[in-house]
Amino acid sequence: MPAHAPKPEILDAFEGAKGFMPLAEGLALYGAAVEAGRLGLPLLEVGTYCGRSTVLLADAARAAGVSVLTVDHHRGSEEQQPGWDYHDPETVDPEIGLMDTLPAFRRTLFKAGLEEHVVALVGRSPQIAAIWNSPLGLVFVDGGHTDEHATADYEGWAPHVAEGGLLVIHDVFPEPEDEFTGQAPYRVYLRALESGAFTEVSVTGSLRVLVRTGAGI
């Protein structure tokens, strides 16, 4: 296990929640959240889904005495819609016929005992980012995988990462044949490095952790 590893009950909650993040990447995310929590600033996640990764962020935040903010409209991203490989029929609200992952997310937090450490921001990422004006210790980008959405998440939230804070990007696939939802996160990752504002800290599977070292976003 890594130096920063969650307790067994938190790992159980993580593995019991719907989602797509492998354990190794989850542990890397948890380690990044622990490090970022030392800044005493909130941690923010873009792309909540059913709360699998939120559990890890929230546990790290609890230990640091900070909060996790998690942004999602809860209607599912493109690849999660009916007819796509990553669609889960259990996430569809039978009354309106649309995806609604908010109830599953709330159940995940409740079962993990982490509700009071998380603020759910229900809405579209660009709209929320446009009215956000506070520094963040960590931004975890794991939202929509089109260029439009990944770019908007980066442009909306990366500028709020405090100096010494972390930008974490999920589903970064340098080789097209390895991708499963598109290479938009990879292009955002390259843009972050090319900006001069971020330096890579670690690579675990498709998870990239970068630290903010400059101002040029």
C-alpha atoms as a PDB file:
ATOM      1  CA  MET A   1       0.000   0.000   0.000  1.00  0.00           C
ATOM      2  CA  PRO A   2       1.182   3.593  -0.607  1.00  0.00           C
ATOM      3  CA  ALA A   3       2.318   5.769   2.297  1.00  0.00           C
ATOM      4  CA  HIS A   4      -1.035   7.540   2.158  1.00  0.00           C
ATOM      5  CA  ALA A   5      -3.692   4.824   2.105  1.00  0.00           C
ATOM      6  CA  PRO A   6      -7.313   5.021   3.283  1.00  0.00           C
ATOM      7  CA  LYS A   7      -8.691   2.766   5.996  1.00  0.00           C
ATOM      8  CA  PRO A   8     -10.293  -0.530   4.909  1.00  0.00           C
ATOM      9  CA  GLU A   9     -13.824   0.775   5.393  1.00  0.00           C
ATOM     10  CA  ILE A  10     -13.130   3.672   3.027  1.00  0.00           C
ATOM     11  CA  LEU A  11     -11.670   1.315   0.450  1.00  0.00           C
ATOM     12  CA  ASP A  12     -14.780  -0.842   0.819  1.00  0.00           C
ATOM     13  CA  ALA A  13     -16.978   2.204   0.170  1.00  0.00           C
ATOM     14  CA  PHE A  14     -14.878   3.134  -2.865  1.00  0.00           C
ATOM     15  CA  GLU A  15     -15.028  -0.346  -4.366  1.00  0.00           C
ATOM     16  CA  GLY A  16     -18.732  -0.696  -3.561  1.00  0.00           C
ATOM     17  CA  ALA A  17     -19.710   2.466  -5.430  1.00  0.00           C
ATOM     18  CA  LYS A  18     -20.585   2.608  -9.115  1.00  0.00           C
ATOM     19  CA  GLY A  19     -17.775   4.040 -11.183  1.00  0.00           C
ATOM     20  CA  PHE A  20     -14.836   3.328 -13.428  1.00  0.00           C
ATOM     21  CA  MET A  21     -11.676   4.267 -11.501  1.00  0.00           C
ATOM     22  CA  PRO A  22      -9.314   1.337 -10.802  1.00  0.00           C
ATOM     23  CA  LEU A  23      -7.953   0.896  -7.288  1.00  0.00           C
ATOM     24  CA  ALA A  24      -4.365   1.907  -8.137  1.00  0.00           C
ATOM     25  CA  GLU A  25      -5.545   5.197  -9.605  1.00  0.00           C
ATOM     26  CA  GLY A  26      -7.845   5.725  -6.639  1.00  0.00           C
ATOM     27  CA  LEU A  27      -4.951   5.303  -4.228  1.00  0.00           C
ATOM     28  CA  ALA A  28      -2.908   7.815  -6.231  1.00  0.00           C
ATOM     29  CA  LEU A  29      -5.811  10.260  -6.095  1.00  0.00           C
ATOM     30  CA  TYR A  30      -6.126   9.746  -2.350  1.00  0.00           C
ATOM     31  CA  GLY A  31      -2.404  10.411  -1.879  1.00  0.00           C
ATOM     32  CA  ALA A  32      -2.682  13.617  -3.903  1.00  0.00           C
ATOM     33  CA  ALA A  33      -5.671  14.731  -1.833  1.00  0.00           C
ATOM     34  CA  VAL A  34      -3.775  14.122   1.403  1.00  0.00           C
ATOM     35  CA  GLU A  35      -0.875  16.233   0.152  1.00  0.00           C
ATOM     36  CA  ALA A  36      -3.142  19.001  -1.136  1.00  0.00           C
ATOM     37  CA  GLY A  37      -5.144  19.020   2.086  1.00  0.00           C
ATOM     38  CA  ARG A  38      -2.102  20.382   3.903  1.00  0.00           C
ATOM     39  CA  LEU A  39      -2.675  23.724   2.195  1.00  0.00           C
ATOM     40  CA  GLY A  40      -5.858  24.126   4.229  1.00  0.00           C
ATOM     41  CA  LEU A  41      -7.930  24.881   1.133  1.00  0.00           C
ATOM     42  CA  PRO A  42     -10.977  23.104  -0.319  1.00  0.00           C
ATOM     43  CA  LEU A  43     -10.549  20.257  -2.782  1.00  0.00           C
ATOM     44  CA  LEU A  44     -12.704  20.219  -5.916  1.00  0.00           C
ATOM     45  CA  GLU A  45     -13.783  17.418  -8.213  1.00  0.00           C
ATOM     46  CA  VAL A  46     -15.322  17.872 -11.660  1.00  0.00           C
ATOM     47  CA  GLY A  47     -17.386  14.794 -12.519  1.00  0.00           C
ATOM     48  CA  THR A  48     -19.105  13.222  -9.515  1.00  0.00           C
ATOM     49  CA  TYR A  49     -21.067  10.391 -11.146  1.00  0.00           C
ATOM     50  CA  CYS A  50     -22.039   8.107  -8.230  1.00  0.00           C
ATOM     51  CA  GLY A  51     -19.347   9.235  -5.810  1.00  0.00           C
ATOM     52  CA  ARG A  52     -16.693   6.528  -6.193  1.00  0.00           C
ATOM     53  CA  SER A  53     -13.752   8.944  -6.265  1.00  0.00           C
ATOM     54  CA  THR A  54     -15.539  11.445  -4.026  1.00  0.00           C
ATOM     55  CA  VAL A  55     -15.277   8.973  -1.147  1.00  0.00           C
ATOM     56  CA  LEU A  56     -11.480   9.075  -1.324  1.00  0.00           C
ATOM     57  CA  LEU A  57     -11.322  12.843  -1.644  1.00  0.00           C
ATOM     58  CA  ALA A  58     -13.749  13.295   1.241  1.00  0.00           C
ATOM     59  CA  ASP A  59     -11.825  11.007   3.568  1.00  0.00           C
ATOM     60  CA  ALA A  60      -8.593  12.894   2.859  1.00  0.00           C
ATOM     61  CA  ALA A  61     -10.419  16.190   3.326  1.00  0.00           C
ATOM     62  CA  ARG A  62     -11.887  15.036   6.630  1.00  0.00           C
ATOM     63  CA  ALA A  63      -8.410  14.309   7.957  1.00  0.00           C
ATOM     64  CA  ALA A  64      -7.188  17.742   6.816  1.00  0.00           C
ATOM     65  CA  GLY A  65     -10.178  19.634   8.198  1.00  0.00           C
ATOM     66  CA  VAL A  66     -11.244  20.954   4.787  1.00  0.00           C
ATOM     67  CA  SER A  67     -14.211  20.311   2.494  1.00  0.00           C
ATOM     68  CA  VAL A  68     -14.634  18.638  -0.878  1.00  0.00           C
ATOM     69  CA  LEU A  69     -16.691  20.354  -3.548  1.00  0.00           C
ATOM     70  CA  THR A  70     -17.930  18.094  -6.313  1.00  0.00           C
ATOM     71  CA  VAL A  71     -19.430  19.423  -9.553  1.00  0.00           C
ATOM     72  CA  ASP A  72     -21.837  17.484 -11.767  1.00  0.00           C
ATOM     73  CA  HIS A  73     -25.182  17.989 -13.486  1.00  0.00           C
ATOM     74  CA  HIS A  74     -25.871  14.292 -12.746  1.00  0.00           C
ATOM     75  CA  ARG A  75     -27.414  13.608 -16.158  1.00  0.00           C
ATOM     76  CA  GLY A  76     -24.387  11.617 -17.314  1.00  0.00           C
ATOM     77  CA  SER A  77     -21.692  12.382 -19.858  1.00  0.00           C
ATOM     78  CA  GLU A  78     -21.892  11.416 -23.519  1.00  0.00           C
ATOM     79  CA  GLU A  79     -20.474   7.905 -23.182  1.00  0.00           C
ATOM     80  CA  GLN A  80     -22.901   7.092 -20.343  1.00  0.00           C
ATOM     81  CA  GLN A  81     -26.083   7.675 -22.324  1.00  0.00           C
ATOM     82  CA  PRO A  82     -28.368   4.837 -23.528  1.00  0.00           C
ATOM     83  CA  GLY A  83     -26.835   2.893 -26.391  1.00  0.00           C
ATOM     84  CA  TRP A  84     -23.245   3.547 -25.291  1.00  0.00           C
ATOM     85  CA  ASP A  85     -20.859   1.058 -23.684  1.00  0.00           C
ATOM     86  CA  TYR A  86     -20.712   2.868 -20.339  1.00  0.00           C
ATOM     87  CA  HIS A  87     -24.442   3.264 -19.852  1.00  0.00           C
ATOM     88  CA  ASP A  88     -25.908   1.791 -16.656  1.00  0.00           C
ATOM     89  CA  PRO A  89     -29.722   1.423 -16.855  1.00  0.00           C
ATOM     90  CA  GLU A  90     -29.924   1.552 -13.049  1.00  0.00           C
ATOM     91  CA  THR A  91     -28.957   5.244 -13.184  1.00  0.00           C
ATOM     92  CA  VAL A  92     -32.040   6.208 -15.221  1.00  0.00           C
ATOM     93  CA  ASP A  93     -34.926   7.910 -13.441  1.00  0.00           C
ATOM     94  CA  PRO A  94     -37.951   5.850 -14.593  1.00  0.00           C
ATOM     95  CA  GLU A  95     -40.345   8.767 -14.174  1.00  0.00           C
ATOM     96  CA  ILE A  96     -38.592  11.147 -16.567  1.00  0.00           C
ATOM     97  CA  GLY A  97     -36.480   8.705 -18.586  1.00  0.00           C
ATOM     98  CA  LEU A  98     -33.203  10.572 -18.034  1.00  0.00           C
ATOM     99  CA  MET A  99     -30.102   9.651 -16.092  1.00  0.00           C
ATOM    100  CA  ASP A 100     -29.952  10.911 -12.530  1.00  0.00           C
ATOM    101  CA  THR A 101     -26.886   9.821 -10.578  1.00  0.00           C
ATOM    102  CA  LEU A 102     -27.526  12.197  -7.668  1.00  0.00           C
ATOM    103  CA  PRO A 103     -29.477   9.657  -5.538  1.00  0.00           C
ATOM    104  CA  ALA A 104     -26.742   7.024  -5.981  1.00  0.00           C
ATOM    105  CA  PHE A 105     -24.106   9.604  -5.090  1.00  0.00           C
ATOM    106  CA  ARG A 106     -25.923  10.537  -1.904  1.00  0.00           C
ATOM    107  CA  ARG A 107     -26.270   6.901  -0.916  1.00  0.00           C
ATOM    108  CA  THR A 108     -22.542   6.396  -1.477  1.00  0.00           C
ATOM    109  CA  LEU A 109     -21.652   9.258   0.858  1.00  0.00           C
ATOM    110  CA  PHE A 110     -24.182   8.177   3.468  1.00  0.00           C
ATOM    111  CA  LYS A 111     -22.884   4.622   3.568  1.00  0.00           C
ATOM    112  CA  ALA A 112     -19.310   5.910   3.914  1.00  0.00           C
ATOM    113  CA  GLY A 113     -20.266   8.332   6.702  1.00  0.00           C
ATOM    114  CA  LEU A 114     -18.857  11.278   4.759  1.00  0.00           C
ATOM    115  CA  GLU A 115     -21.878  13.446   3.966  1.00  0.00           C
ATOM    116  CA  GLU A 116     -20.841  16.370   6.174  1.00  0.00           C
ATOM    117  CA  HIS A 117     -17.464  16.691   4.457  1.00  0.00           C
ATOM    118  CA  VAL A 118     -18.822  17.142   0.920  1.00  0.00           C
ATOM    119  CA  VAL A 119     -20.627  20.007  -0.799  1.00  0.00           C
ATOM    120  CA  ALA A 120     -22.421  18.848  -3.950  1.00  0.00           C
ATOM    121  CA  LEU A 121     -22.601  21.541  -6.623  1.00  0.00           C
ATOM    122  CA  VAL A 122     -25.348  20.378  -8.974  1.00  0.00           C
ATOM    123  CA  GLY A 123     -25.054  22.088 -12.327  1.00  0.00           C
ATOM    124  CA  ARG A 124     -22.868  22.402 -15.382  1.00  0.00           C
ATOM    125  CA  SER A 125     -19.192  22.942 -14.745  1.00  0.00           C
ATOM    126  CA  PRO A 126     -18.712  26.135 -16.833  1.00  0.00           C
ATOM    127  CA  GLN A 127     -21.672  27.843 -15.166  1.00  0.00           C
ATOM    128  CA  ILE A 128     -20.371  27.102 -11.687  1.00  0.00           C
ATOM    129  CA  ALA A 129     -16.765  27.941 -12.558  1.00  0.00           C
ATOM    130  CA  ALA A 130     -17.872  31.319 -13.917  1.00  0.00           C
ATOM    131  CA  ILE A 131     -19.041  32.416 -10.464  1.00  0.00           C
ATOM    132  CA  TRP A 132     -16.252  30.770  -8.456  1.00  0.00           C
ATOM    133  CA  ASN A 133     -13.584  33.106  -7.056  1.00  0.00           C
ATOM    134  CA  SER A 134     -11.719  31.260  -4.289  1.00  0.00           C
ATOM    135  CA  PRO A 135      -8.403  29.353  -4.363  1.00  0.00           C
ATOM    136  CA  LEU A 136      -8.434  25.570  -4.266  1.00  0.00           C
ATOM    137  CA  GLY A 137      -5.877  23.112  -2.959  1.00  0.00           C
ATOM    138  CA  LEU A 138      -6.722  20.494  -5.572  1.00  0.00           C
ATOM    139  CA  VAL A 139      -8.755  20.310  -8.764  1.00  0.00           C
ATOM    140  CA  PHE A 140      -9.585  16.841 -10.068  1.00  0.00           C
ATOM    141  CA  VAL A 141     -10.763  16.904 -13.698  1.00  0.00           C
ATOM    142  CA  ASP A 142     -12.877  13.841 -14.508  1.00  0.00           C
ATOM    143  CA  GLY A 143     -15.904  15.217 -16.307  1.00  0.00           C
ATOM    144  CA  GLY A 144     -17.029  15.000 -19.931  1.00  0.00           C
ATOM    145  CA  HIS A 145     -14.501  13.572 -22.384  1.00  0.00           C
ATOM    146  CA  THR A 146     -15.238  15.677 -25.456  1.00  0.00           C
ATOM    147  CA  ASP A 147     -12.788  18.442 -26.292  1.00  0.00           C
ATOM    148  CA  GLU A 148     -15.512  20.993 -25.579  1.00  0.00           C
ATOM    149  CA  HIS A 149     -16.174  19.749 -22.069  1.00  0.00           C
ATOM    150  CA  ALA A 150     -12.630  18.828 -21.042  1.00  0.00           C
ATOM    151  CA  THR A 151     -11.332  22.190 -22.272  1.00  0.00           C
ATOM    152  CA  ALA A 152     -14.089  24.063 -20.438  1.00  0.00           C
ATOM    153  CA  ASP A 153     -13.294  22.196 -17.224  1.00  0.00           C
ATOM    154  CA  TYR A 154      -9.609  23.044 -17.530  1.00  0.00           C
ATOM    155  CA  GLU A 155     -10.163  26.686 -18.425  1.00  0.00           C
ATOM    156  CA  GLY A 156     -12.812  27.121 -15.754  1.00  0.00           C
ATOM    157  CA  TRP A 157     -11.049  25.482 -12.818  1.00  0.00           C
ATOM    158  CA  ALA A 158      -7.273  25.248 -13.339  1.00  0.00           C
ATOM    159  CA  PRO A 159      -6.782  28.992 -12.737  1.00  0.00           C
ATOM    160  CA  HIS A 160      -8.174  28.504  -9.216  1.00  0.00           C
ATOM    161  CA  VAL A 161      -5.504  25.997  -8.185  1.00  0.00           C
ATOM    162  CA  ALA A 162      -3.376  27.731  -5.548  1.00  0.00           C
ATOM    163  CA  GLU A 163       0.398  27.863  -5.842  1.00  0.00           C
ATOM    164  CA  GLY A 164       1.657  24.529  -4.554  1.00  0.00           C
ATOM    165  CA  GLY A 165      -1.774  23.023  -5.149  1.00  0.00           C
ATOM    166  CA  LEU A 166      -2.475  20.068  -7.404  1.00  0.00           C
ATOM    167  CA  LEU A 167      -4.217  19.588 -10.738  1.00  0.00           C
ATOM    168  CA  VAL A 168      -5.223  15.943 -11.224  1.00  0.00           C
ATOM    169  CA  ILE A 169      -6.445  14.746 -14.625  1.00  0.00           C
ATOM    170  CA  HIS A 170      -8.081  11.365 -15.188  1.00  0.00           C
ATOM    171  CA  ASP A 171      -8.325   9.225 -18.335  1.00  0.00           C
ATOM    172  CA  VAL A 172      -5.140  10.523 -19.936  1.00  0.00           C
ATOM    173  CA  PHE A 173      -4.304   8.177 -22.819  1.00  0.00           C
ATOM    174  CA  PRO A 174      -1.273   9.225 -24.925  1.00  0.00           C
ATOM    175  CA  GLU A 175      -1.790   6.395 -27.428  1.00  0.00           C
ATOM    176  CA  PRO A 176      -5.067   6.499 -29.411  1.00  0.00           C
ATOM    177  CA  GLU A 177      -5.372   2.714 -29.353  1.00  0.00           C
ATOM    178  CA  ASP A 178      -5.413   2.777 -25.534  1.00  0.00           C
ATOM    179  CA  GLU A 179      -8.233   5.282 -25.169  1.00  0.00           C
ATOM    180  CA  PHE A 180     -11.758   4.314 -24.204  1.00  0.00           C
ATOM    181  CA  THR A 181     -13.580   7.632 -24.260  1.00  0.00           C
ATOM    182  CA  GLY A 182     -11.431   9.919 -26.396  1.00  0.00           C
ATOM    183  CA  GLN A 183      -8.167  11.806 -26.013  1.00  0.00           C
ATOM    184  CA  ALA A 184      -9.541  15.146 -24.858  1.00  0.00           C
ATOM    185  CA  PRO A 185      -8.129  14.660 -21.316  1.00  0.00           C
ATOM    186  CA  TYR A 186      -4.712  13.956 -22.857  1.00  0.00           C
ATOM    187  CA  ARG A 187      -4.866  17.189 -24.830  1.00  0.00           C
ATOM    188  CA  VAL A 188      -5.829  19.094 -21.677  1.00  0.00           C
ATOM    189  CA  TYR A 189      -2.919  17.465 -19.837  1.00  0.00           C
ATOM    190  CA  LEU A 190      -0.505  18.599 -22.570  1.00  0.00           C
ATOM    191  CA  ARG A 191      -1.940  22.095 -22.443  1.00  0.00           C
ATOM    192  CA  ALA A 192      -1.394  22.256 -18.689  1.00  0.00           C
ATOM    193  CA  LEU A 193       2.252  21.261 -19.071  1.00  0.00           C
ATOM    194  CA  GLU A 194       2.813  23.650 -21.970  1.00  0.00           C
ATOM    195  CA  SER A 195       1.335  26.538 -19.973  1.00  0.00           C
ATOM    196  CA  GLY A 196       4.377  26.600 -17.700  1.00  0.00           C
ATOM    197  CA  ALA A 197       2.068  26.824 -14.702  1.00  0.00           C
ATOM    198  CA  PHE A 198       2.148  23.104 -13.853  1.00  0.00           C
ATOM    199  CA  THR A 199       4.838  20.484 -13.360  1.00  0.00           C
ATOM    200  CA  GLU A 200       4.114  16.771 -13.420  1.00  0.00           C
ATOM    201  CA  VAL A 201       4.425  14.997 -10.077  1.00  0.00           C
ATOM    202  CA  SER A 202       3.262  11.454 -10.761  1.00  0.00           C
ATOM    203  CA  VAL A 203       1.737   9.060 -13.279  1.00  0.00           C
ATOM    204  CA  THR A 204      -0.466   6.125 -12.239  1.00  0.00           C
ATOM    205  CA  GLY A 205      -2.286   4.384 -15.060  1.00  0.00           C
ATOM    206  CA  SER A 206      -4.349   7.094 -16.747  1.00  0.00           C
ATOM    207  CA  LEU A 207      -4.116   9.448 -13.743  1.00  0.00           C
ATOM    208  CA  ARG A 208      -1.759  12.438 -13.930  1.00  0.00           C
ATOM    209  CA  VAL A 209      -0.895  14.608 -10.920  1.00  0.00           C
ATOM    210  CA  LEU A 210       0.578  18.064 -11.559  1.00  0.00           C
ATOM    211  CA  VAL A 211       1.635  20.738  -9.075  1.00  0.00           C
ATOM    212  CA  ARG A 212       1.109  24.424  -9.711  1.00  0.00           C
ATOM    213  CA  THR A 213       4.481  26.143  -9.868  1.00  0.00           C
ATOM    214  CA  GLY A 214       3.723  29.199 -12.000  1.00  0.00           C
ATOM    215  CA  ALA A 215       1.123  31.720 -13.070  1.00  0.00           C
ATOM    216  CA  GLY A 216       0.865  31.331 -16.834  1.00  0.00           C
ATOM    217  CA  ILE A 217      -2.407  29.523 -17.443  1.00  0.00           C
END
